[in-house]
Amino acid sequence: MTHKSYIHNIIFFFAALILTACSSTPVLEKDAVEPTVSLPKDIPDNGISKNNNPWEGFNRHMYYFNAKADQYVILPVVNGYQWVTPEIVQDGVTNFFSNLGEINTFFNSVLQLKGERALVTTCLLQIRLLVY
């Protein structure tokens, strides 16, 4: 393989990592009831309710859409990801995105002139990159 092929493979690997559904479904307690969402029948046609909220009609429809998208698209993808992906890979993805958050912490500390915090964040990030 040429040097260019390695770079393309690395880019493809990270793109695939980023595009995978890296979220998880919450574990429900034994006595928990799974939530169900139903669109109320009494939505006014003009979108204005007794509370005089002009966005209520839109918000209700958007919430219903998001709940159904979550139920029929997002959660099946997450469940498939969890079923297919080994635990160690899931941990690696979690650690990768956690480390990305540390970069924001570093820049925030630098902009706030908190040198000690920026130094600690830099050291933690380097250690995590070596360990993970």
N, C-alpha and C. Protein backbone atom coordinates (compact mmCIF):
# COMPACT_ATOMS: atom_id res chain seq x y z
N MET A 1 0.84 -1.19 0.00
CA MET A 1 0.00 0.00 0.00
C MET A 1 0.88 1.24 0.00
N THR A 2 0.41 2.24 -0.68
CA THR A 2 1.15 3.49 -0.71
C THR A 2 0.77 4.35 0.47
N HIS A 3 1.54 5.41 0.66
CA HIS A 3 1.28 6.35 1.75
C HIS A 3 -0.11 6.97 1.61
N LYS A 4 -0.51 7.26 0.37
CA LYS A 4 -1.81 7.85 0.12
C LYS A 4 -2.94 6.89 0.52
N SER A 5 -2.73 5.60 0.28
CA SER A 5 -3.74 4.61 0.64
C SER A 5 -3.93 4.53 2.15
N TYR A 6 -2.84 4.63 2.89
CA TYR A 6 -2.95 4.63 4.35
C TYR A 6 -3.76 5.83 4.83
N ILE A 7 -3.49 6.98 4.25
CA ILE A 7 -4.21 8.18 4.66
C ILE A 7 -5.69 8.04 4.33
N HIS A 8 -6.00 7.51 3.16
CA HIS A 8 -7.40 7.30 2.78
C HIS A 8 -8.07 6.31 3.73
N ASN A 9 -7.37 5.25 4.11
CA ASN A 9 -7.93 4.27 5.04
C ASN A 9 -8.18 4.88 6.41
N ILE A 10 -7.26 5.70 6.87
CA ILE A 10 -7.42 6.36 8.17
C ILE A 10 -8.61 7.31 8.13
N ILE A 11 -8.71 8.09 7.08
CA ILE A 11 -9.84 9.02 6.94
C ILE A 11 -11.15 8.25 6.88
N PHE A 12 -11.18 7.16 6.12
CA PHE A 12 -12.39 6.34 6.04
C PHE A 12 -12.75 5.77 7.41
N PHE A 13 -11.75 5.29 8.15
CA PHE A 13 -12.00 4.72 9.47
C PHE A 13 -12.63 5.75 10.40
N PHE A 14 -12.05 6.96 10.46
CA PHE A 14 -12.58 7.98 11.34
C PHE A 14 -13.95 8.48 10.87
N ALA A 15 -14.16 8.55 9.58
CA ALA A 15 -15.48 8.94 9.07
C ALA A 15 -16.52 7.90 9.46
N ALA A 16 -16.17 6.63 9.36
CA ALA A 16 -17.09 5.57 9.76
C ALA A 16 -17.37 5.62 11.26
N LEU A 17 -16.34 5.92 12.04
CA LEU A 17 -16.52 6.06 13.48
C LEU A 17 -17.47 7.19 13.81
N ILE A 18 -17.29 8.31 13.15
CA ILE A 18 -18.12 9.49 13.43
C ILE A 18 -19.55 9.26 12.97
N LEU A 19 -19.73 8.56 11.87
CA LEU A 19 -21.07 8.37 11.32
C LEU A 19 -21.86 7.28 12.03
N THR A 20 -21.23 6.48 12.85
CA THR A 20 -21.98 5.45 13.57
C THR A 20 -22.78 6.10 14.68
N ALA A 21 -23.84 5.48 15.04
CA ALA A 21 -24.70 6.02 16.10
C ALA A 21 -24.05 5.73 17.45
N CYS A 22 -23.44 6.73 18.00
CA CYS A 22 -22.65 6.55 19.22
C CYS A 22 -23.45 6.83 20.48
N SER A 23 -24.72 6.67 20.43
CA SER A 23 -25.51 6.90 21.63
C SER A 23 -26.02 5.57 22.16
N SER A 24 -26.62 5.63 23.29
CA SER A 24 -27.12 4.39 23.88
C SER A 24 -28.54 4.60 24.38
N THR A 25 -29.25 3.52 24.50
CA THR A 25 -30.61 3.60 25.05
C THR A 25 -30.52 3.46 26.56
N PRO A 26 -31.33 4.22 27.27
CA PRO A 26 -31.28 4.11 28.72
C PRO A 26 -31.85 2.78 29.19
N VAL A 27 -31.31 2.28 30.27
CA VAL A 27 -31.80 1.04 30.86
C VAL A 27 -32.95 1.42 31.80
N LEU A 28 -34.13 0.90 31.52
CA LEU A 28 -35.29 1.22 32.34
C LEU A 28 -35.28 0.39 33.62
N GLU A 29 -35.75 1.01 34.69
CA GLU A 29 -35.88 0.28 35.94
C GLU A 29 -36.99 -0.75 35.80
N LYS A 30 -37.04 -1.70 36.73
CA LYS A 30 -38.00 -2.79 36.64
C LYS A 30 -39.45 -2.29 36.65
N ASP A 31 -39.73 -1.27 37.45
CA ASP A 31 -41.10 -0.78 37.57
C ASP A 31 -41.39 0.42 36.65
N ALA A 32 -40.44 0.75 35.78
CA ALA A 32 -40.64 1.89 34.88
C ALA A 32 -41.58 1.53 33.75
N VAL A 33 -42.35 2.52 33.34
CA VAL A 33 -43.27 2.34 32.22
C VAL A 33 -42.65 3.04 31.03
N GLU A 34 -42.56 2.34 29.91
CA GLU A 34 -41.98 2.93 28.71
C GLU A 34 -42.88 4.06 28.23
N PRO A 35 -42.30 5.23 27.91
CA PRO A 35 -43.12 6.38 27.53
C PRO A 35 -43.78 6.17 26.16
N THR A 36 -44.98 6.67 26.07
CA THR A 36 -45.68 6.66 24.79
C THR A 36 -46.11 8.10 24.50
N VAL A 37 -46.10 8.45 23.25
CA VAL A 37 -46.46 9.81 22.85
C VAL A 37 -47.63 9.74 21.90
N SER A 38 -48.67 10.46 22.24
CA SER A 38 -49.80 10.54 21.33
C SER A 38 -50.12 12.01 21.12
N LEU A 39 -50.44 12.35 19.90
CA LEU A 39 -50.76 13.73 19.56
C LEU A 39 -52.16 14.05 20.07
N PRO A 40 -52.30 15.12 20.86
CA PRO A 40 -53.62 15.46 21.37
C PRO A 40 -54.60 15.78 20.23
N LYS A 41 -55.85 15.46 20.45
CA LYS A 41 -56.87 15.70 19.43
C LYS A 41 -57.37 17.14 19.43
N ASP A 42 -57.11 17.87 20.53
CA ASP A 42 -57.67 19.21 20.66
C ASP A 42 -56.72 20.33 20.25
N ILE A 43 -55.85 20.09 19.27
CA ILE A 43 -54.95 21.15 18.81
C ILE A 43 -55.75 22.11 17.93
N PRO A 44 -55.77 23.38 18.27
CA PRO A 44 -56.52 24.33 17.45
C PRO A 44 -55.89 24.46 16.06
N ASP A 45 -56.72 24.72 15.07
CA ASP A 45 -56.24 24.86 13.71
C ASP A 45 -55.32 26.07 13.54
N ASN A 46 -55.56 27.12 14.32
CA ASN A 46 -54.76 28.31 14.16
C ASN A 46 -53.45 28.26 14.97
N GLY A 47 -53.23 27.22 15.75
CA GLY A 47 -51.99 27.07 16.50
C GLY A 47 -51.94 27.87 17.78
N ILE A 48 -53.03 28.55 18.13
CA ILE A 48 -53.05 29.37 19.35
C ILE A 48 -53.98 28.71 20.35
N SER A 49 -53.48 28.53 21.56
CA SER A 49 -54.28 27.87 22.59
C SER A 49 -54.80 28.89 23.59
N LYS A 50 -55.36 28.42 24.67
CA LYS A 50 -55.86 29.30 25.73
C LYS A 50 -54.73 30.11 26.36
N ASN A 51 -53.50 29.56 26.32
CA ASN A 51 -52.36 30.26 26.90
C ASN A 51 -51.78 31.31 25.97
N ASN A 52 -52.34 31.44 24.78
CA ASN A 52 -51.92 32.44 23.80
C ASN A 52 -50.46 32.25 23.39
N ASN A 53 -50.08 31.01 23.17
CA ASN A 53 -48.74 30.69 22.70
C ASN A 53 -48.80 30.44 21.20
N PRO A 54 -48.26 31.35 20.40
CA PRO A 54 -48.39 31.18 18.94
C PRO A 54 -47.61 30.00 18.39
N TRP A 55 -46.66 29.44 19.12
CA TRP A 55 -45.84 28.34 18.63
C TRP A 55 -46.31 26.98 19.14
N GLU A 56 -47.38 26.95 19.92
CA GLU A 56 -47.79 25.70 20.54
C GLU A 56 -48.15 24.63 19.52
N GLY A 57 -48.89 24.97 18.49
CA GLY A 57 -49.27 23.99 17.48
C GLY A 57 -48.06 23.41 16.79
N PHE A 58 -47.14 24.28 16.39
CA PHE A 58 -45.90 23.82 15.75
C PHE A 58 -45.10 22.95 16.70
N ASN A 59 -44.95 23.38 17.96
CA ASN A 59 -44.16 22.63 18.93
C ASN A 59 -44.74 21.24 19.19
N ARG A 60 -46.06 21.16 19.26
CA ARG A 60 -46.69 19.85 19.49
C ARG A 60 -46.44 18.90 18.32
N HIS A 61 -46.60 19.41 17.12
CA HIS A 61 -46.35 18.57 15.94
C HIS A 61 -44.88 18.19 15.84
N MET A 62 -43.99 19.11 16.14
CA MET A 62 -42.55 18.82 16.09
C MET A 62 -42.17 17.78 17.15
N TYR A 63 -42.74 17.92 18.35
CA TYR A 63 -42.47 16.95 19.41
C TYR A 63 -42.96 15.56 18.99
N TYR A 64 -44.14 15.50 18.41
CA TYR A 64 -44.68 14.23 17.95
C TYR A 64 -43.79 13.62 16.87
N PHE A 65 -43.34 14.44 15.92
CA PHE A 65 -42.45 13.96 14.86
C PHE A 65 -41.14 13.43 15.45
N ASN A 66 -40.55 14.20 16.37
CA ASN A 66 -39.28 13.78 16.99
C ASN A 66 -39.45 12.49 17.77
N ALA A 67 -40.55 12.36 18.48
CA ALA A 67 -40.78 11.14 19.26
C ALA A 67 -40.91 9.92 18.35
N LYS A 68 -41.64 10.08 17.25
CA LYS A 68 -41.80 8.96 16.32
C LYS A 68 -40.50 8.66 15.58
N ALA A 69 -39.74 9.69 15.20
CA ALA A 69 -38.44 9.47 14.56
C ALA A 69 -37.52 8.73 15.52
N ASP A 70 -37.56 9.11 16.78
CA ASP A 70 -36.75 8.44 17.79
C ASP A 70 -37.17 6.99 17.93
N GLN A 71 -38.46 6.75 17.95
CA GLN A 71 -38.98 5.39 18.15
C GLN A 71 -38.70 4.48 16.96
N TYR A 72 -38.87 4.98 15.74
CA TYR A 72 -38.79 4.11 14.57
C TYR A 72 -37.47 4.17 13.82
N VAL A 73 -36.64 5.20 14.05
CA VAL A 73 -35.38 5.32 13.32
C VAL A 73 -34.18 5.27 14.25
N ILE A 74 -34.13 6.22 15.18
CA ILE A 74 -32.93 6.39 16.02
C ILE A 74 -32.70 5.18 16.92
N LEU A 75 -33.71 4.79 17.68
CA LEU A 75 -33.52 3.67 18.61
C LEU A 75 -33.18 2.35 17.93
N PRO A 76 -33.80 2.01 16.79
CA PRO A 76 -33.37 0.78 16.11
C PRO A 76 -31.91 0.85 15.64
N VAL A 77 -31.48 2.02 15.19
CA VAL A 77 -30.08 2.16 14.77
C VAL A 77 -29.16 1.99 15.98
N VAL A 78 -29.53 2.60 17.10
CA VAL A 78 -28.72 2.48 18.32
C VAL A 78 -28.66 1.02 18.78
N ASN A 79 -29.80 0.36 18.77
CA ASN A 79 -29.83 -1.05 19.19
C ASN A 79 -28.99 -1.91 18.26
N GLY A 80 -29.05 -1.64 16.97
CA GLY A 80 -28.22 -2.38 16.01
C GLY A 80 -26.74 -2.12 16.23
N TYR A 81 -26.39 -0.87 16.49
CA TYR A 81 -25.01 -0.51 16.78
C TYR A 81 -24.50 -1.25 18.02
N GLN A 82 -25.32 -1.26 19.06
CA GLN A 82 -24.91 -1.95 20.29
C GLN A 82 -24.81 -3.45 20.09
N TRP A 83 -25.66 -4.02 19.27
CA TRP A 83 -25.65 -5.46 19.04
C TRP A 83 -24.45 -5.87 18.19
N VAL A 84 -24.09 -5.05 17.19
CA VAL A 84 -23.02 -5.38 16.26
C VAL A 84 -21.65 -5.04 16.82
N THR A 85 -21.54 -3.92 17.52
CA THR A 85 -20.25 -3.40 17.94
C THR A 85 -19.82 -4.02 19.27
N PRO A 86 -18.59 -4.53 19.34
CA PRO A 86 -18.08 -5.07 20.61
C PRO A 86 -17.97 -3.96 21.67
N GLU A 87 -18.05 -4.35 22.91
CA GLU A 87 -18.00 -3.40 24.04
C GLU A 87 -16.72 -2.58 24.02
N ILE A 88 -15.60 -3.19 23.68
CA ILE A 88 -14.33 -2.47 23.70
C ILE A 88 -14.31 -1.36 22.64
N VAL A 89 -14.96 -1.60 21.51
CA VAL A 89 -15.04 -0.56 20.46
C VAL A 89 -15.96 0.56 20.92
N GLN A 90 -17.07 0.20 21.55
CA GLN A 90 -17.98 1.23 22.09
C GLN A 90 -17.26 2.09 23.11
N ASP A 91 -16.46 1.46 23.98
CA ASP A 91 -15.68 2.22 24.96
C ASP A 91 -14.68 3.14 24.26
N GLY A 92 -14.05 2.65 23.21
CA GLY A 92 -13.09 3.46 22.47
C GLY A 92 -13.75 4.68 21.83
N VAL A 93 -14.94 4.49 21.27
CA VAL A 93 -15.66 5.61 20.67
C VAL A 93 -16.05 6.62 21.75
N THR A 94 -16.53 6.13 22.88
CA THR A 94 -16.88 7.02 23.99
C THR A 94 -15.66 7.81 24.46
N ASN A 95 -14.53 7.13 24.62
CA ASN A 95 -13.32 7.80 25.06
C ASN A 95 -12.85 8.83 24.04
N PHE A 96 -12.97 8.50 22.75
CA PHE A 96 -12.56 9.42 21.69
C PHE A 96 -13.33 10.73 21.79
N PHE A 97 -14.65 10.63 21.90
CA PHE A 97 -15.45 11.85 21.95
C PHE A 97 -15.29 12.57 23.29
N SER A 98 -15.02 11.84 24.35
CA SER A 98 -14.72 12.47 25.63
C SER A 98 -13.43 13.28 25.53
N ASN A 99 -12.44 12.72 24.86
CA ASN A 99 -11.19 13.44 24.68
C ASN A 99 -11.37 14.68 23.81
N LEU A 100 -12.26 14.62 22.83
CA LEU A 100 -12.53 15.81 22.03
C LEU A 100 -13.10 16.94 22.89
N GLY A 101 -13.88 16.59 23.89
CA GLY A 101 -14.43 17.60 24.80
C GLY A 101 -13.34 18.29 25.60
N GLU A 102 -12.27 17.59 25.89
CA GLU A 102 -11.16 18.18 26.63
C GLU A 102 -10.47 19.29 25.84
N ILE A 103 -10.51 19.20 24.52
CA ILE A 103 -9.91 20.25 23.69
C ILE A 103 -10.66 21.56 23.91
N ASN A 104 -12.00 21.50 23.98
CA ASN A 104 -12.78 22.70 24.28
C ASN A 104 -12.44 23.24 25.66
N THR A 105 -12.27 22.36 26.63
CA THR A 105 -11.91 22.78 27.98
C THR A 105 -10.57 23.50 27.97
N PHE A 106 -9.61 22.97 27.20
CA PHE A 106 -8.31 23.60 27.11
C PHE A 106 -8.41 25.02 26.57
N PHE A 107 -9.08 25.18 25.42
CA PHE A 107 -9.19 26.50 24.82
C PHE A 107 -9.99 27.46 25.70
N ASN A 108 -11.01 26.97 26.36
CA ASN A 108 -11.78 27.79 27.29
C ASN A 108 -10.89 28.27 28.43
N SER A 109 -10.07 27.39 28.96
CA SER A 109 -9.16 27.76 30.06
C SER A 109 -8.14 28.78 29.59
N VAL A 110 -7.62 28.61 28.39
CA VAL A 110 -6.64 29.57 27.86
C VAL A 110 -7.28 30.94 27.69
N LEU A 111 -8.49 30.98 27.12
CA LEU A 111 -9.17 32.25 26.91
C LEU A 111 -9.53 32.95 28.22
N GLN A 112 -9.74 32.18 29.27
CA GLN A 112 -10.04 32.75 30.59
C GLN A 112 -8.77 33.01 31.40
N LEU A 113 -7.62 32.80 30.77
CA LEU A 113 -6.32 33.01 31.41
C LEU A 113 -6.15 32.15 32.66
N LYS A 114 -6.66 30.93 32.61
CA LYS A 114 -6.50 29.96 33.70
C LYS A 114 -5.41 28.99 33.27
N GLY A 115 -4.16 29.41 33.47
CA GLY A 115 -3.01 28.65 33.01
C GLY A 115 -2.89 27.28 33.64
N GLU A 116 -3.13 27.21 34.95
CA GLU A 116 -2.99 25.93 35.65
C GLU A 116 -4.02 24.93 35.13
N ARG A 117 -5.26 25.39 34.95
CA ARG A 117 -6.31 24.51 34.44
C ARG A 117 -5.99 24.06 33.01
N ALA A 118 -5.46 24.97 32.19
CA ALA A 118 -5.09 24.62 30.81
C ALA A 118 -3.97 23.59 30.81
N LEU A 119 -3.00 23.75 31.71
CA LEU A 119 -1.89 22.81 31.80
C LEU A 119 -2.37 21.43 32.25
N VAL A 120 -3.23 21.41 33.25
CA VAL A 120 -3.77 20.14 33.74
C VAL A 120 -4.57 19.45 32.64
N THR A 121 -5.38 20.22 31.91
CA THR A 121 -6.18 19.65 30.82
C THR A 121 -5.28 19.08 29.73
N THR A 122 -4.21 19.80 29.41
CA THR A 122 -3.27 19.32 28.40
C THR A 122 -2.63 18.00 28.83
N CYS A 123 -2.19 17.96 30.08
CA CYS A 123 -1.56 16.73 30.59
C CYS A 123 -2.55 15.56 30.59
N LEU A 124 -3.78 15.82 31.04
CA LEU A 124 -4.79 14.76 31.06
C LEU A 124 -5.09 14.25 29.65
N LEU A 125 -5.18 15.18 28.71
CA LEU A 125 -5.46 14.77 27.34
C LEU A 125 -4.33 13.93 26.78
N GLN A 126 -3.09 14.32 27.04
CA GLN A 126 -1.97 13.54 26.54
C GLN A 126 -1.91 12.16 27.18
N ILE A 127 -2.18 12.08 28.46
CA ILE A 127 -2.18 10.77 29.14
C ILE A 127 -3.29 9.90 28.58
N ARG A 128 -4.48 10.50 28.41
CA ARG A 128 -5.59 9.71 27.88
C ARG A 128 -5.32 9.22 26.46
N LEU A 129 -4.68 10.05 25.66
CA LEU A 129 -4.38 9.64 24.29
C LEU A 129 -3.37 8.49 24.28
N LEU A 130 -2.47 8.48 25.24
CA LEU A 130 -1.49 7.40 25.30
C LEU A 130 -2.10 6.12 25.86
N VAL A 131 -2.98 6.26 26.86
CA VAL A 131 -3.55 5.09 27.52
C VAL A 131 -4.64 4.44 26.67
N TYR A 132 -5.52 5.25 26.10
CA TYR A 132 -6.62 4.69 25.33
C TYR A 132 -6.14 4.34 23.97
